[in-house]
């Protein structure tokens, strides 16, 4: 991982590179989404065969209940216990996040209340590849269950036995063996094999993220949660631990972006040496590629400059060595405080959700929560005395906007 001075030119180059990668993914995802929307299963099966080398016609779209039961039965007990503990913590946090019904009088005779209703059907996108990300099923399905969603459909390219075991533990019965932009399109528009859902959740690669943005006009999505981004910001600290956190996120994909931002050149060199050493100890994987292609060690002139960069870049993950800098941070998916805050703890088991905004979207919103799985419906109950108290106000405002039918709807009731 190279060391560079953090300058406006370097920052501009980093953000422009992220935008260029998104543009290329958008053109490919657009073709796939349009094809699946037009041709349904024929396109879904063809793209799955082409991109994932999986024959849905021969092997079937859905994992069977028998497969799911068998996966639970043969799973390692330690693995099942780890899943139960992680799910328990995610459930506890989701219960805190869930919006509550309320009711109050804004004026005498005018009662405003809030109903909280679950979304009826959702799709959970679970990244696959060499390993199915079992933690993502927990992070999407458990908050949905807390919210009361009645139908939860999971999709994953080549779900492995571990994922099926998690589904069995959580009571998720519908798991389709599809992935990529084609899976997003199938969930958004429906095919003969895949039912249309009301909202799609879950992270994915840049093609999945682009597809989610394309379908968002027809099917709700949670947030753009694409290739992993991580920043560790520290002027001092344990170089070995810092390097380990950076590599943990870097191993997700070749375009996973991990950055160490510091004001100390000596610490920058220590972390650089640690990254090289730890890469040599780890099995060959994506971290070796992404640290060269997408990562960097950035040396800032001051902590203020470093924090300003973080807020403009708006990363998915941020680690701070101490909480004194937290007040200067306002755009990030999730923050880990202190040297013991290893980022993988949040990826799996703290209870905080790991579906987080990427690509700068943390400037506009935070990570996934139970609130994303419900609809907050406002109810307005107006009595005669409430009507009379507000009638003059509404008539004046309606006249000011030239909306005379609005005024009339009030006037005829007097």
Protein backbone atom coordinates (compact mmCIF):
# COMPACT_ATOMS: atom_id res chain seq x y z
CA UNK A 1 0.00 0.00 0.00
CA UNK A 2 1.56 3.27 -1.12
CA UNK A 3 2.06 6.33 1.10
CA UNK A 4 0.95 9.66 -0.38
CA UNK A 5 0.47 13.16 0.98
CA UNK A 6 -3.19 14.10 1.37
CA UNK A 7 -3.70 17.06 -0.94
CA UNK A 8 -6.76 18.48 -2.75
CA UNK A 9 -5.46 16.90 -5.97
CA UNK A 10 -5.19 13.43 -4.38
CA UNK A 11 -8.65 13.76 -2.81
CA UNK A 12 -10.13 14.79 -6.16
CA UNK A 13 -8.45 11.83 -7.85
CA UNK A 14 -9.81 9.37 -5.25
CA UNK A 15 -13.39 10.58 -5.58
CA UNK A 16 -13.19 10.77 -9.38
CA UNK A 17 -11.89 7.18 -9.52
CA UNK A 18 -14.85 6.02 -7.46
CA UNK A 19 -17.24 7.82 -9.84
CA UNK A 20 -15.60 6.30 -12.94
CA UNK A 21 -16.00 2.79 -11.58
CA UNK A 22 -19.68 3.47 -10.95
CA UNK A 23 -20.24 4.74 -14.52
CA UNK A 24 -18.92 1.52 -16.07
CA UNK A 25 -20.99 -0.65 -13.75
CA UNK A 26 -24.13 1.35 -14.54
CA UNK A 27 -23.95 0.64 -18.27
CA UNK A 28 -23.60 -3.11 -17.74
CA UNK A 29 -26.26 -3.28 -15.03
CA UNK A 30 -28.68 -1.27 -17.19
CA UNK A 31 -28.47 -3.87 -19.97
CA UNK A 32 -29.11 -6.77 -17.59
CA UNK A 33 -32.00 -5.08 -15.78
CA UNK A 34 -33.72 -4.11 -19.04
CA UNK A 35 -33.36 -7.65 -20.39
CA UNK A 36 -34.80 -9.33 -17.29
CA UNK A 37 -37.64 -6.83 -17.15
CA UNK A 38 -38.50 -7.60 -20.78
CA UNK A 39 -37.91 -11.35 -21.02
CA UNK A 40 -38.38 -12.50 -17.41
CA UNK A 41 -37.15 -16.02 -16.64
CA UNK A 42 -35.54 -16.46 -20.06
CA UNK A 43 -33.19 -13.57 -19.38
CA UNK A 44 -32.71 -14.46 -15.70
CA UNK A 45 -31.69 -18.01 -16.59
CA UNK A 46 -29.43 -16.88 -19.44
CA UNK A 47 -27.54 -14.27 -17.40
CA UNK A 48 -27.16 -16.66 -14.46
CA UNK A 49 -25.70 -19.28 -16.76
CA UNK A 50 -23.38 -16.76 -18.40
CA UNK A 51 -22.13 -14.92 -15.30
CA UNK A 52 -22.42 -17.51 -12.51
CA UNK A 53 -22.06 -20.67 -14.62
CA UNK A 54 -25.16 -22.13 -12.98
CA UNK A 55 -27.94 -23.86 -14.90
CA UNK A 56 -31.19 -22.88 -13.20
CA UNK A 57 -33.30 -24.89 -15.63
CA UNK A 58 -31.54 -28.10 -14.64
CA UNK A 59 -30.70 -27.47 -10.97
CA UNK A 60 -33.72 -25.44 -9.97
CA UNK A 61 -34.23 -21.86 -8.85
CA UNK A 62 -35.04 -22.51 -5.19
CA UNK A 63 -33.20 -24.29 -2.41
CA UNK A 64 -35.51 -27.00 -1.09
CA UNK A 65 -36.82 -27.29 2.45
CA UNK A 66 -35.05 -30.63 2.63
CA UNK A 67 -31.71 -28.96 1.82
CA UNK A 68 -32.31 -26.32 4.49
CA UNK A 69 -33.20 -28.90 7.17
CA UNK A 70 -30.18 -31.01 6.23
CA UNK A 71 -27.89 -27.97 6.44
CA UNK A 72 -29.06 -27.22 9.98
CA UNK A 73 -28.70 -30.86 11.02
CA UNK A 74 -25.13 -31.16 9.72
CA UNK A 75 -23.86 -27.71 10.75
CA UNK A 76 -21.03 -27.38 13.24
CA UNK A 77 -22.54 -26.69 16.71
CA UNK A 78 -19.99 -23.93 17.34
CA UNK A 79 -21.06 -22.25 14.08
CA UNK A 80 -24.74 -22.47 15.06
CA UNK A 81 -24.00 -20.98 18.49
CA UNK A 82 -22.09 -18.10 16.87
CA UNK A 83 -25.04 -17.43 14.56
CA UNK A 84 -27.48 -17.47 17.48
CA UNK A 85 -25.38 -14.98 19.44
CA UNK A 86 -24.93 -12.62 16.50
CA UNK A 87 -28.65 -12.79 15.65
CA UNK A 88 -29.57 -12.11 19.29
CA UNK A 89 -27.51 -8.90 19.30
CA UNK A 90 -28.85 -7.74 15.93
CA UNK A 91 -32.38 -8.40 17.17
CA UNK A 92 -31.78 -6.40 20.37
CA UNK A 93 -30.51 -3.39 18.42
CA UNK A 94 -33.33 -3.63 15.87
CA UNK A 95 -35.91 -3.59 18.66
CA UNK A 96 -34.41 -0.29 19.89
CA UNK A 97 -34.51 1.16 16.36
CA UNK A 98 -38.11 0.30 15.52
CA UNK A 99 -40.35 3.40 15.26
CA UNK A 100 -43.24 3.47 17.74
CA UNK A 101 -46.89 4.45 17.29
CA UNK A 102 -47.83 7.76 18.90
CA UNK A 103 -50.76 10.14 19.15
CA UNK A 104 -51.25 13.74 20.32
CA UNK A 105 -53.42 16.83 19.80
CA UNK A 106 -51.71 19.50 17.69
CA UNK A 107 -54.75 21.75 18.34
CA UNK A 108 -57.85 21.13 20.44
CA UNK A 109 -60.01 18.92 18.24
CA UNK A 110 -57.12 17.96 15.91
CA UNK A 111 -55.46 14.65 16.72
CA UNK A 112 -52.42 13.44 14.77
CA UNK A 113 -51.23 9.88 15.24
CA UNK A 114 -48.68 7.56 13.71
CA UNK A 115 -49.32 3.98 12.70
CA UNK A 116 -46.32 1.74 12.14
CA UNK A 117 -46.99 -0.96 9.53
CA UNK A 118 -44.45 -3.48 8.21
CA UNK A 119 -43.63 -3.68 4.54
CA UNK A 120 -45.45 -6.75 3.23
CA UNK A 121 -42.70 -8.44 1.19
CA UNK A 122 -38.96 -7.90 0.89
CA UNK A 123 -35.99 -9.37 -0.93
CA UNK A 124 -32.67 -9.90 0.87
CA UNK A 125 -29.65 -9.87 -1.44
CA UNK A 126 -26.87 -12.08 -0.02
CA UNK A 127 -23.47 -11.77 -1.73
CA UNK A 128 -22.06 -15.13 -2.82
CA UNK A 129 -18.89 -16.01 -4.70
CA UNK A 130 -16.40 -18.31 -2.97
CA UNK A 131 -18.35 -17.97 0.29
CA UNK A 132 -21.92 -16.93 0.95
CA UNK A 133 -22.00 -14.01 3.39
CA UNK A 134 -24.08 -15.61 6.12
CA UNK A 135 -23.84 -12.47 8.23
CA UNK A 136 -25.77 -10.49 5.62
CA UNK A 137 -28.77 -12.78 5.98
CA UNK A 138 -28.75 -12.04 9.71
CA UNK A 139 -28.38 -8.29 9.10
CA UNK A 140 -31.32 -8.14 6.70
CA UNK A 141 -33.72 -10.86 7.82
CA UNK A 142 -33.59 -10.28 11.59
CA UNK A 143 -34.58 -6.57 11.47
CA UNK A 144 -37.31 -7.54 8.99
CA UNK A 145 -38.65 -10.08 11.47
CA UNK A 146 -38.54 -7.52 14.27
CA UNK A 147 -40.52 -5.15 12.06
CA UNK A 148 -43.11 -7.85 11.31
CA UNK A 149 -42.47 -8.35 7.58
CA UNK A 150 -44.65 -11.27 6.50
CA UNK A 151 -42.69 -12.51 3.46
CA UNK A 152 -38.89 -12.56 3.33
CA UNK A 153 -37.22 -13.86 0.17
CA UNK A 154 -33.45 -14.34 0.09
CA UNK A 155 -31.38 -14.52 -3.09
CA UNK A 156 -27.77 -15.66 -3.30
CA UNK A 157 -25.63 -16.97 -6.14
CA UNK A 158 -24.80 -20.54 -5.09
CA UNK A 159 -25.92 -20.50 -1.44
CA UNK A 160 -23.63 -22.76 0.57
CA UNK A 161 -24.65 -25.12 3.42
CA UNK A 162 -23.73 -22.51 6.04
CA UNK A 163 -26.15 -19.98 4.53
CA UNK A 164 -28.88 -22.60 4.34
CA UNK A 165 -28.27 -23.46 7.99
CA UNK A 166 -28.65 -19.80 8.98
CA UNK A 167 -31.88 -19.63 6.98
CA UNK A 168 -33.14 -22.68 8.81
CA UNK A 169 -32.31 -21.18 12.21
CA UNK A 170 -34.02 -17.91 11.32
CA UNK A 171 -37.04 -19.55 9.73
CA UNK A 172 -36.37 -18.23 6.22
CA UNK A 173 -37.88 -20.78 3.81
CA UNK A 174 -37.47 -19.05 0.42
CA UNK A 175 -33.91 -18.90 -0.90
CA UNK A 176 -33.35 -18.48 -4.64
CA UNK A 177 -30.04 -19.49 -6.24
CA UNK A 178 -29.59 -16.26 -8.18
CA UNK A 179 -27.33 -13.24 -7.85
CA UNK A 180 -25.98 -10.18 -9.59
CA UNK A 181 -27.95 -7.47 -11.35
CA UNK A 182 -30.24 -10.15 -12.77
CA UNK A 183 -31.41 -11.11 -9.27
CA UNK A 184 -32.16 -7.48 -8.42
CA UNK A 185 -34.22 -7.10 -11.60
CA UNK A 186 -36.12 -10.32 -10.91
CA UNK A 187 -37.04 -9.17 -7.40
CA UNK A 188 -38.05 -5.72 -8.62
CA UNK A 189 -40.22 -6.74 -11.57
CA UNK A 190 -41.03 -10.40 -10.92
CA UNK A 191 -40.70 -13.36 -13.26
CA UNK A 192 -42.53 -16.66 -13.52
CA UNK A 193 -40.08 -18.09 -10.97
CA UNK A 194 -39.40 -15.09 -8.72
CA UNK A 195 -42.21 -13.09 -7.07
CA UNK A 196 -42.06 -9.33 -7.16
CA UNK A 197 -41.23 -7.76 -3.77
CA UNK A 198 -41.97 -4.33 -2.32
CA UNK A 199 -38.41 -3.49 -1.26
CA UNK A 200 -34.91 -4.88 -1.80
CA UNK A 201 -32.25 -4.98 0.91
CA UNK A 202 -28.60 -5.96 1.15
CA UNK A 203 -25.13 -5.05 -0.07
CA UNK A 204 -23.47 -6.21 -3.26
CA UNK A 205 -20.77 -5.44 -5.78
CA UNK A 206 -20.87 -2.36 -7.99
CA UNK A 207 -23.16 -4.09 -10.52
CA UNK A 208 -25.66 -5.05 -7.84
CA UNK A 209 -25.57 -1.53 -6.41
CA UNK A 210 -26.09 0.00 -9.85
CA UNK A 211 -29.00 -2.37 -10.53
CA UNK A 212 -30.64 -1.40 -7.24
CA UNK A 213 -30.44 2.26 -8.22
CA UNK A 214 -31.94 1.51 -11.64
CA UNK A 215 -34.97 -0.32 -10.27
CA UNK A 216 -35.56 2.13 -7.41
CA UNK A 217 -38.20 4.00 -9.42
CA UNK A 218 -40.34 0.85 -9.51
CA UNK A 219 -39.28 -1.03 -6.37
CA UNK A 220 -38.03 0.50 -3.15
CA UNK A 221 -34.42 -0.16 -2.09
CA UNK A 222 -32.66 0.23 1.22
CA UNK A 223 -29.54 2.21 0.23
CA UNK A 224 -26.57 2.01 -2.13
CA UNK A 225 -24.33 -0.48 -0.35
CA UNK A 226 -21.61 -1.39 -2.83
CA UNK A 227 -17.90 -2.19 -2.67
CA UNK A 228 -16.49 -1.91 0.85
CA UNK A 229 -14.84 1.30 2.04
CA UNK A 230 -12.85 1.66 5.25
CA UNK A 231 -10.81 4.45 6.81
CA UNK A 232 -8.69 4.22 9.92
CA UNK A 233 -7.85 7.70 11.25
CA UNK A 234 -5.11 7.90 13.88
CA UNK A 235 -2.11 10.02 14.74
CA UNK A 236 -0.80 7.29 17.03
CA UNK A 237 -1.64 3.69 17.79
CA UNK A 238 -0.78 0.03 17.30
CA UNK A 239 0.44 -0.35 13.72
CA UNK A 240 -0.29 -4.10 13.69
CA UNK A 241 -3.90 -3.60 14.73
CA UNK A 242 -4.41 -0.75 12.27
CA UNK A 243 -3.03 -2.85 9.41
CA UNK A 244 -5.22 -5.80 10.40
CA UNK A 245 -8.38 -3.65 10.26
CA UNK A 246 -7.45 -2.29 6.84
CA UNK A 247 -6.81 -5.78 5.45
CA UNK A 248 -10.03 -7.14 6.96
CA UNK A 249 -12.09 -4.80 4.77
CA UNK A 250 -9.71 -5.00 1.81
CA UNK A 251 -10.30 -8.74 1.40
CA UNK A 252 -13.95 -8.27 0.38
CA UNK A 253 -13.19 -7.50 -3.27
CA UNK A 254 -10.52 -6.19 -5.62
CA UNK A 255 -12.19 -2.76 -5.59
CA UNK A 256 -12.60 -2.60 -1.79
CA UNK A 257 -11.06 0.71 -0.72
CA UNK A 258 -9.08 0.79 2.55
CA UNK A 259 -7.30 3.96 3.66
CA UNK A 260 -5.14 4.82 6.63
CA UNK A 261 -5.22 8.57 7.31
CA UNK A 262 -2.62 9.93 9.70
CA UNK A 263 -0.52 12.96 10.53
CA UNK A 264 2.49 10.79 11.44
CA UNK A 265 4.87 9.73 8.68
CA UNK A 266 6.63 7.32 11.02
CA UNK A 267 3.33 5.58 11.87
CA UNK A 268 2.48 5.55 8.16
CA UNK A 269 5.69 3.65 7.45
CA UNK A 270 5.06 1.23 10.33
CA UNK A 271 1.55 0.46 9.06
CA UNK A 272 2.89 0.03 5.53
CA UNK A 273 5.42 -2.53 6.79
CA UNK A 274 2.74 -4.33 8.80
CA UNK A 275 0.43 -4.56 5.81
CA UNK A 276 3.20 -6.12 3.74
CA UNK A 277 4.08 -8.58 6.50
CA UNK A 278 0.48 -9.59 7.23
CA UNK A 279 -0.28 -10.06 3.54
CA UNK A 280 2.58 -12.52 3.48
CA UNK A 281 1.03 -14.46 6.35
CA UNK A 282 -2.52 -14.51 4.93
CA UNK A 283 -3.72 -16.84 2.17
CA UNK A 284 -3.51 -15.20 -1.24
CA UNK A 285 -6.73 -13.30 -1.81
CA UNK A 286 -8.42 -10.08 -2.77
CA UNK A 287 -6.70 -8.05 -0.04
CA UNK A 288 -3.40 -8.30 -1.90
CA UNK A 289 -5.04 -6.90 -5.03
CA UNK A 290 -7.24 -4.22 -3.49
CA UNK A 291 -4.53 -2.71 -1.28
CA UNK A 292 -2.52 -2.01 -4.44
CA UNK A 293 -5.39 -0.98 -6.71
CA UNK A 294 -7.78 0.82 -4.40
CA UNK A 295 -6.04 1.47 -1.06
CA UNK A 296 -3.58 4.07 0.18
CA UNK A 297 -1.94 5.54 3.27
CA UNK A 298 -2.71 9.27 3.30
CA UNK A 299 -0.55 11.67 5.32
CA UNK A 300 -2.45 14.79 6.35
CA UNK A 301 -1.01 18.08 7.58
CA UNK A 302 -3.37 18.13 10.56
CA UNK A 303 -6.15 16.19 12.22
CA UNK A 304 -8.58 18.90 11.14
CA UNK A 305 -7.64 18.32 7.51
CA UNK A 306 -7.97 14.57 8.01
CA UNK A 307 -11.47 14.94 9.49
CA UNK A 308 -12.56 17.25 6.68
CA UNK A 309 -11.42 14.64 4.16
CA UNK A 310 -13.36 11.92 5.98
CA UNK A 311 -16.55 14.00 5.91
CA UNK A 312 -16.22 14.74 2.21
CA UNK A 313 -15.34 11.15 1.30
CA UNK A 314 -18.09 9.82 3.61
CA UNK A 315 -16.76 6.27 4.02
CA UNK A 316 -18.71 3.17 4.93
CA UNK A 317 -16.50 2.32 7.95
CA UNK A 318 -14.35 4.59 10.11
CA UNK A 319 -12.07 3.72 13.02
CA UNK A 320 -10.94 6.38 15.50
CA UNK A 321 -8.31 5.64 18.10
CA UNK A 322 -10.18 7.79 20.65
CA UNK A 323 -13.56 9.50 20.83
CA UNK A 324 -12.18 13.07 21.00
CA UNK A 325 -12.37 13.33 17.20
CA UNK A 326 -15.93 12.00 16.98
CA UNK A 327 -17.49 15.47 17.35
CA UNK A 328 -15.74 16.49 14.11
CA UNK A 329 -17.18 13.59 12.12
CA UNK A 330 -20.63 13.92 10.54
CA UNK A 331 -20.61 11.78 7.38
CA UNK A 332 -19.87 8.08 7.83
CA UNK A 333 -21.77 4.80 7.77
CA UNK A 334 -20.51 3.52 11.11
CA UNK A 335 -17.75 4.53 13.55
CA UNK A 336 -15.59 2.26 15.71
CA UNK A 337 -14.09 3.95 18.76
CA UNK A 338 -10.89 2.90 20.50
CA UNK A 339 -8.14 0.39 19.78
CA UNK A 340 -10.31 -2.60 20.73
CA UNK A 341 -12.93 -1.70 18.13
CA UNK A 342 -11.88 -4.23 15.52
CA UNK A 343 -14.07 -3.57 12.49
CA UNK A 344 -15.02 -7.26 11.99
CA UNK A 345 -16.84 -7.16 15.35
CA UNK A 346 -19.36 -4.84 13.73
CA UNK A 347 -19.46 -6.90 10.56
CA UNK A 348 -20.70 -9.88 12.52
CA UNK A 349 -21.77 -9.65 16.10
CA UNK A 350 -22.05 -6.31 17.94
CA UNK A 351 -25.67 -5.96 16.83
CA UNK A 352 -25.07 -2.82 14.79
CA UNK A 353 -26.03 -3.41 11.16
CA UNK A 354 -23.32 -3.98 8.56
CA UNK A 355 -25.46 -2.92 5.59
CA UNK A 356 -24.04 0.59 5.23
CA UNK A 357 -23.97 3.40 2.66
CA UNK A 358 -21.03 3.51 0.24
CA UNK A 359 -20.01 5.73 -2.67
CA UNK A 360 -20.45 8.92 -0.62
CA UNK A 361 -24.06 8.17 0.36
CA UNK A 362 -23.14 8.47 4.03
CA UNK A 363 -23.42 12.22 3.48
CA UNK A 364 -27.18 11.72 3.21
CA UNK A 365 -28.08 8.74 5.40
CA UNK A 366 -26.86 6.18 7.90
CA UNK A 367 -26.86 2.40 7.83
CA UNK A 368 -29.72 -0.07 7.71
CA UNK A 369 -32.10 -0.15 10.67
CA UNK A 370 -35.41 -1.70 11.62
CA UNK A 371 -37.06 1.58 10.58
CA UNK A 372 -36.26 0.74 6.94
CA UNK A 373 -38.65 -2.23 7.10
CA UNK A 374 -41.77 -0.32 8.14
CA UNK A 375 -44.09 2.39 6.86
CA UNK A 376 -44.94 5.21 9.25
CA UNK A 377 -48.49 6.24 8.34
CA UNK A 378 -49.89 9.51 9.64
CA UNK A 379 -53.54 9.55 10.69
CA UNK A 380 -55.46 12.84 11.11
CA UNK A 381 -58.65 12.86 13.16
CA UNK A 382 -60.38 16.26 13.01
CA UNK A 383 -63.42 17.20 15.10
CA UNK A 384 -65.77 20.14 14.40
CA UNK A 385 -64.04 22.39 16.94
CA UNK A 386 -60.68 21.58 15.38
CA UNK A 387 -62.04 22.36 11.92
CA UNK A 388 -63.35 25.75 13.06
CA UNK A 389 -60.03 26.66 14.72
CA UNK A 390 -58.08 26.02 11.50
CA UNK A 391 -60.56 27.06 8.79
CA UNK A 392 -59.49 30.72 8.53
CA UNK A 393 -55.80 29.78 8.43
CA UNK A 394 -56.34 27.26 5.64
CA UNK A 395 -58.53 29.58 3.54
CA UNK A 396 -55.94 32.38 3.71
CA UNK A 397 -53.08 30.04 2.74
CA UNK A 398 -55.09 28.42 -0.08
CA UNK A 399 -55.93 31.88 -1.52
CA UNK A 400 -52.25 32.87 -1.40
CA UNK A 401 -51.42 29.89 -3.63
CA UNK A 402 -54.35 30.44 -5.99
CA UNK A 403 -55.91 27.10 -5.06
CA UNK A 404 -59.53 28.13 -4.84
CA UNK A 405 -60.92 24.58 -4.76
CA UNK A 406 -58.83 24.02 -1.63
CA UNK A 407 -60.44 27.13 -0.09
CA UNK A 408 -63.88 25.96 -1.19
CA UNK A 409 -63.49 22.51 0.42
CA UNK A 410 -63.14 24.33 3.73
CA UNK A 411 -65.70 27.09 3.07
CA UNK A 412 -68.55 24.72 2.18
CA UNK A 413 -68.26 23.10 5.60
CA UNK A 414 -68.79 26.29 7.60
